[in-house]
Every structure is written in structure tokens, then in C-alpha cells.
Amino acid sequence: MGDLLTAQLVLHPITVSEAEQLMAGQPDSKARGAPGYPTDGNMTAARHFPDTYADTGNPQPSRTYEIRRHANSQTTGGLGFHGPADENGSVTIGYGLIQSARGKGYASEALRGLLLFAKRTASPA
């Protein structure tokens, strides 16, 4: 699965290898973490992702994404589903941004992009 693109952002689906690198303090060399990244929330998501992947295979779209800005390729946060939709189609999504990226509409834009992607990939009931 490739990156999801929005007007200002790249939503990058992390891989098991990238999650392990992040936990080891060696983020993906292709992306630069903005000062303050990763947050505690990003580290928690990275810790859980390898187990989720092992249990479910590719958990698309219910996976963890890094939020990167187009303008400078810096990673400023992350978002992801807390699991697949329940029997009613309800989901919980967690997200977080570093302090300097807050208040700029990035979280709303990332959430809209992720929800549009999930809607396109949802199987018909």
C-alpha cells in the first residue's frame, strides 16, 4: 500500500520495519522527524503495530500512519484506527501532532483523508 496524499500532507502507512526502527530510536531515513517527533503516542502506536500486523496480516486500512508535510517531508505526528470497524461500522481513530504543528488544520485534514480512504476500501455490506 502506498502513501495517502492530501492537499498539504502525506499519510505514510508505517511498516513493521519502520515501527521497529522508531522504537529503537532510528526513524526512517527517508523521512525527517520534526523537532518533538516521535511523541509518546507515536511510540505507543509503533509498539503495537508489529503485533497487529502479525495477528491480522496487512491491517489495511486499520493501521498506523505517519503524518508528513508535503512542504518539507517532516513527520509531525501520526494517526490510525484503534482496530477494525465493529458490527455497526463504528471505529475509533487516534491521532496526535507535535506541539508546533497544532492549530494549523493538519489533524482535520489527515482525518478527512484517512476516512475517505477507508470509505473507498470498505467492502459493501
C-alpha atoms as a PDB file:
ATOM      1  CA  MET A   1       0.000   0.000   0.000  1.00  0.00           C
ATOM      2  CA  GLY A   2       1.310   3.420  -0.892  1.00  0.00           C
ATOM      3  CA  ASP A   3       1.129   6.794   0.772  1.00  0.00           C
ATOM      4  CA  LEU A   4      -2.185   8.634   1.016  1.00  0.00           C
ATOM      5  CA  LEU A   5      -1.960  12.203  -0.244  1.00  0.00           C
ATOM      6  CA  THR A   6      -3.978  15.216   0.833  1.00  0.00           C
ATOM      7  CA  ALA A   7      -3.534  18.862  -0.088  1.00  0.00           C
ATOM      8  CA  GLN A   8      -0.778  19.545   2.472  1.00  0.00           C
ATOM      9  CA  LEU A   9       0.048  16.112   3.849  1.00  0.00           C
ATOM     10  CA  VAL A  10       1.364  12.661   3.152  1.00  0.00           C
ATOM     11  CA  LEU A  11      -0.175   9.921   5.282  1.00  0.00           C
ATOM     12  CA  HIS A  12       2.506   7.263   5.278  1.00  0.00           C
ATOM     13  CA  PRO A  13       1.452   3.756   6.344  1.00  0.00           C
ATOM     14  CA  ILE A  14       4.271   2.537   8.539  1.00  0.00           C
ATOM     15  CA  THR A  15       5.735  -0.888   8.000  1.00  0.00           C
ATOM     16  CA  VAL A  16       6.792  -3.336  10.691  1.00  0.00           C
ATOM     17  CA  SER A  17      10.410  -2.450   9.939  1.00  0.00           C
ATOM     18  CA  GLU A  18       9.719   1.278  10.303  1.00  0.00           C
ATOM     19  CA  ALA A  19       7.872   0.679  13.591  1.00  0.00           C
ATOM     20  CA  GLU A  20      10.843  -1.302  14.898  1.00  0.00           C
ATOM     21  CA  GLN A  21      13.260   1.433  13.763  1.00  0.00           C
ATOM     22  CA  LEU A  22      11.161   4.080  15.510  1.00  0.00           C
ATOM     23  CA  MET A  23      11.111   2.072  18.745  1.00  0.00           C
ATOM     24  CA  ALA A  24      14.899   1.694  18.516  1.00  0.00           C
ATOM     25  CA  GLY A  25      15.301   5.453  18.111  1.00  0.00           C
ATOM     26  CA  GLN A  26      16.266   5.192  14.447  1.00  0.00           C
ATOM     27  CA  PRO A  27      13.361   6.681  12.441  1.00  0.00           C
ATOM     28  CA  ASP A  28      13.020   6.025   8.718  1.00  0.00           C
ATOM     29  CA  SER A  29      15.936   7.667   6.939  1.00  0.00           C
ATOM     30  CA  LYS A  30      13.652   8.803   4.078  1.00  0.00           C
ATOM     31  CA  ALA A  31      11.577  10.982   6.381  1.00  0.00           C
ATOM     32  CA  ARG A  32      12.837  13.567   8.804  1.00  0.00           C
ATOM     33  CA  GLY A  33      11.099  13.862  12.109  1.00  0.00           C
ATOM     34  CA  ALA A  34      10.301  17.419  13.057  1.00  0.00           C
ATOM     35  CA  PRO A  35      11.600  18.503  16.477  1.00  0.00           C
ATOM     36  CA  GLY A  36       9.405  16.794  19.060  1.00  0.00           C
ATOM     37  CA  TYR A  37       8.717  13.713  16.936  1.00  0.00           C
ATOM     38  CA  PRO A  38       8.146  10.968  17.909  1.00  0.00           C
ATOM     39  CA  THR A  39       5.749  11.675  20.741  1.00  0.00           C
ATOM     40  CA  ASP A  40       4.796   9.161  23.419  1.00  0.00           C
ATOM     41  CA  GLY A  41       1.658   8.414  21.396  1.00  0.00           C
ATOM     42  CA  ASN A  42       3.706   7.667  18.280  1.00  0.00           C
ATOM     43  CA  MET A  43       5.890   5.300  20.277  1.00  0.00           C
ATOM     44  CA  THR A  44       2.837   3.516  21.697  1.00  0.00           C
ATOM     45  CA  ALA A  45       1.396   3.046  18.197  1.00  0.00           C
ATOM     46  CA  ALA A  46       4.758   1.784  16.917  1.00  0.00           C
ATOM     47  CA  ARG A  47       4.954  -0.754  19.772  1.00  0.00           C
ATOM     48  CA  HIS A  48       1.508  -2.155  18.962  1.00  0.00           C
ATOM     49  CA  PHE A  49       1.788  -2.242  15.176  1.00  0.00           C
ATOM     50  CA  PRO A  50       4.079  -5.299  14.758  1.00  0.00           C
ATOM     51  CA  ASP A  51       1.718  -7.427  16.893  1.00  0.00           C
ATOM     52  CA  THR A  52      -1.327  -6.177  14.987  1.00  0.00           C
ATOM     53  CA  TYR A  53       0.377  -6.999  11.702  1.00  0.00           C
ATOM     54  CA  ALA A  54       1.355 -10.468  12.953  1.00  0.00           C
ATOM     55  CA  ASP A  55      -2.225 -11.154  14.123  1.00  0.00           C
ATOM     56  CA  THR A  56      -4.091  -9.823  11.081  1.00  0.00           C
ATOM     57  CA  GLY A  57      -1.632  -9.577   8.210  1.00  0.00           C
ATOM     58  CA  ASN A  58      -1.868  -6.252   6.400  1.00  0.00           C
ATOM     59  CA  PRO A  59      -4.477  -4.477   8.538  1.00  0.00           C
ATOM     60  CA  GLN A  60      -5.405  -2.036   5.763  1.00  0.00           C
ATOM     61  CA  PRO A  61      -6.914   0.475   6.280  1.00  0.00           C
ATOM     62  CA  SER A  62      -6.840  -0.162  10.041  1.00  0.00           C
ATOM     63  CA  ARG A  63      -3.180   0.584  10.506  1.00  0.00           C
ATOM     64  CA  THR A  64      -0.823   3.262  11.760  1.00  0.00           C
ATOM     65  CA  TYR A  65       0.129   6.241   9.592  1.00  0.00           C
ATOM     66  CA  GLU A  66       2.754   8.935   9.994  1.00  0.00           C
ATOM     67  CA  ILE A  67       1.623  12.463   9.174  1.00  0.00           C
ATOM     68  CA  ARG A  68       4.217  14.184   6.987  1.00  0.00           C
ATOM     69  CA  ARG A  69       4.055  17.638   5.442  1.00  0.00           C
ATOM     70  CA  HIS A  70       4.456  17.924   1.662  1.00  0.00           C
ATOM     71  CA  ALA A  71       6.381  21.178   2.041  1.00  0.00           C
ATOM     72  CA  ASN A  72       9.400  19.707   3.839  1.00  0.00           C
ATOM     73  CA  SER A  73       8.744  15.946   4.230  1.00  0.00           C
ATOM     74  CA  GLN A  74       8.948  16.286   8.008  1.00  0.00           C
ATOM     75  CA  THR A  75       6.951  13.883  10.123  1.00  0.00           C
ATOM     76  CA  THR A  76       4.833  15.881  12.540  1.00  0.00           C
ATOM     77  CA  GLY A  77       2.607  13.216  14.068  1.00  0.00           C
ATOM     78  CA  GLY A  78       0.556  10.150  13.432  1.00  0.00           C
ATOM     79  CA  LEU A  79      -2.912   8.718  13.266  1.00  0.00           C
ATOM     80  CA  GLY A  80      -4.576   5.377  12.946  1.00  0.00           C
ATOM     81  CA  PHE A  81      -7.555   3.210  13.657  1.00  0.00           C
ATOM     82  CA  HIS A  82      -7.653   1.508  17.040  1.00  0.00           C
ATOM     83  CA  GLY A  83      -8.909  -1.581  15.248  1.00  0.00           C
ATOM     84  CA  PRO A  84     -11.321  -2.614  12.519  1.00  0.00           C
ATOM     85  CA  ALA A  85     -14.899  -1.397  12.414  1.00  0.00           C
ATOM     86  CA  ASP A  86     -17.328  -3.152  14.727  1.00  0.00           C
ATOM     87  CA  GLU A  87     -20.537  -4.872  13.594  1.00  0.00           C
ATOM     88  CA  ASN A  88     -22.241  -1.447  13.356  1.00  0.00           C
ATOM     89  CA  GLY A  89     -19.427   0.072  11.304  1.00  0.00           C
ATOM     90  CA  SER A  90     -18.143   2.225  14.187  1.00  0.00           C
ATOM     91  CA  VAL A  91     -14.431   2.869  14.554  1.00  0.00           C
ATOM     92  CA  THR A  92     -12.156   4.751  16.899  1.00  0.00           C
ATOM     93  CA  ILE A  93      -9.269   6.758  15.493  1.00  0.00           C
ATOM     94  CA  GLY A  94      -6.384   8.116  17.475  1.00  0.00           C
ATOM     95  CA  TYR A  95      -4.171  10.954  16.332  1.00  0.00           C
ATOM     96  CA  GLY A  96      -1.579  13.315  17.626  1.00  0.00           C
ATOM     97  CA  LEU A  97       0.686  16.092  16.437  1.00  0.00           C
ATOM     98  CA  ILE A  98       3.820  17.652  17.820  1.00  0.00           C
ATOM     99  CA  GLN A  99       3.176  20.953  19.564  1.00  0.00           C
ATOM    100  CA  SER A 100       4.480  23.161  16.731  1.00  0.00           C
ATOM    101  CA  ALA A 101       2.142  21.529  14.186  1.00  0.00           C
ATOM    102  CA  ARG A 102      -1.048  22.072  16.185  1.00  0.00           C
ATOM    103  CA  GLY A 103      -3.628  24.666  15.231  1.00  0.00           C
ATOM    104  CA  LYS A 104      -2.852  24.539  11.509  1.00  0.00           C
ATOM    105  CA  GLY A 105      -5.619  22.171  10.407  1.00  0.00           C
ATOM    106  CA  TYR A 106      -3.289  19.199   9.878  1.00  0.00           C
ATOM    107  CA  ALA A 107      -5.187  16.818  12.166  1.00  0.00           C
ATOM    108  CA  SER A 108      -8.524  17.610  10.496  1.00  0.00           C
ATOM    109  CA  GLU A 109      -7.008  17.214   7.035  1.00  0.00           C
ATOM    110  CA  ALA A 110      -5.338  13.923   7.968  1.00  0.00           C
ATOM    111  CA  LEU A 111      -8.548  12.581   9.472  1.00  0.00           C
ATOM    112  CA  ARG A 112     -10.586  13.507   6.380  1.00  0.00           C
ATOM    113  CA  GLY A 113      -8.005  11.830   4.137  1.00  0.00           C
ATOM    114  CA  LEU A 114      -7.980   8.653   6.206  1.00  0.00           C
ATOM    115  CA  LEU A 115     -11.768   8.455   6.363  1.00  0.00           C
ATOM    116  CA  LEU A 116     -12.079   8.935   2.595  1.00  0.00           C
ATOM    117  CA  PHE A 117      -9.569   6.145   2.054  1.00  0.00           C
ATOM    118  CA  ALA A 118     -11.405   3.849   4.470  1.00  0.00           C
ATOM    119  CA  LYS A 119     -14.708   4.570   2.737  1.00  0.00           C
ATOM    120  CA  ARG A 120     -13.211   3.702  -0.673  1.00  0.00           C
ATOM    121  CA  THR A 121     -11.750   0.426   0.596  1.00  0.00           C
ATOM    122  CA  ALA A 122     -14.750  -0.691   2.676  1.00  0.00           C
ATOM    123  CA  SER A 123     -16.437  -3.784   1.420  1.00  0.00           C
ATOM    124  CA  PRO A 124     -20.161  -3.481   0.663  1.00  0.00           C
ATOM    125  CA  ALA A 125     -22.471  -4.721   3.414  1.00  0.00           C
END
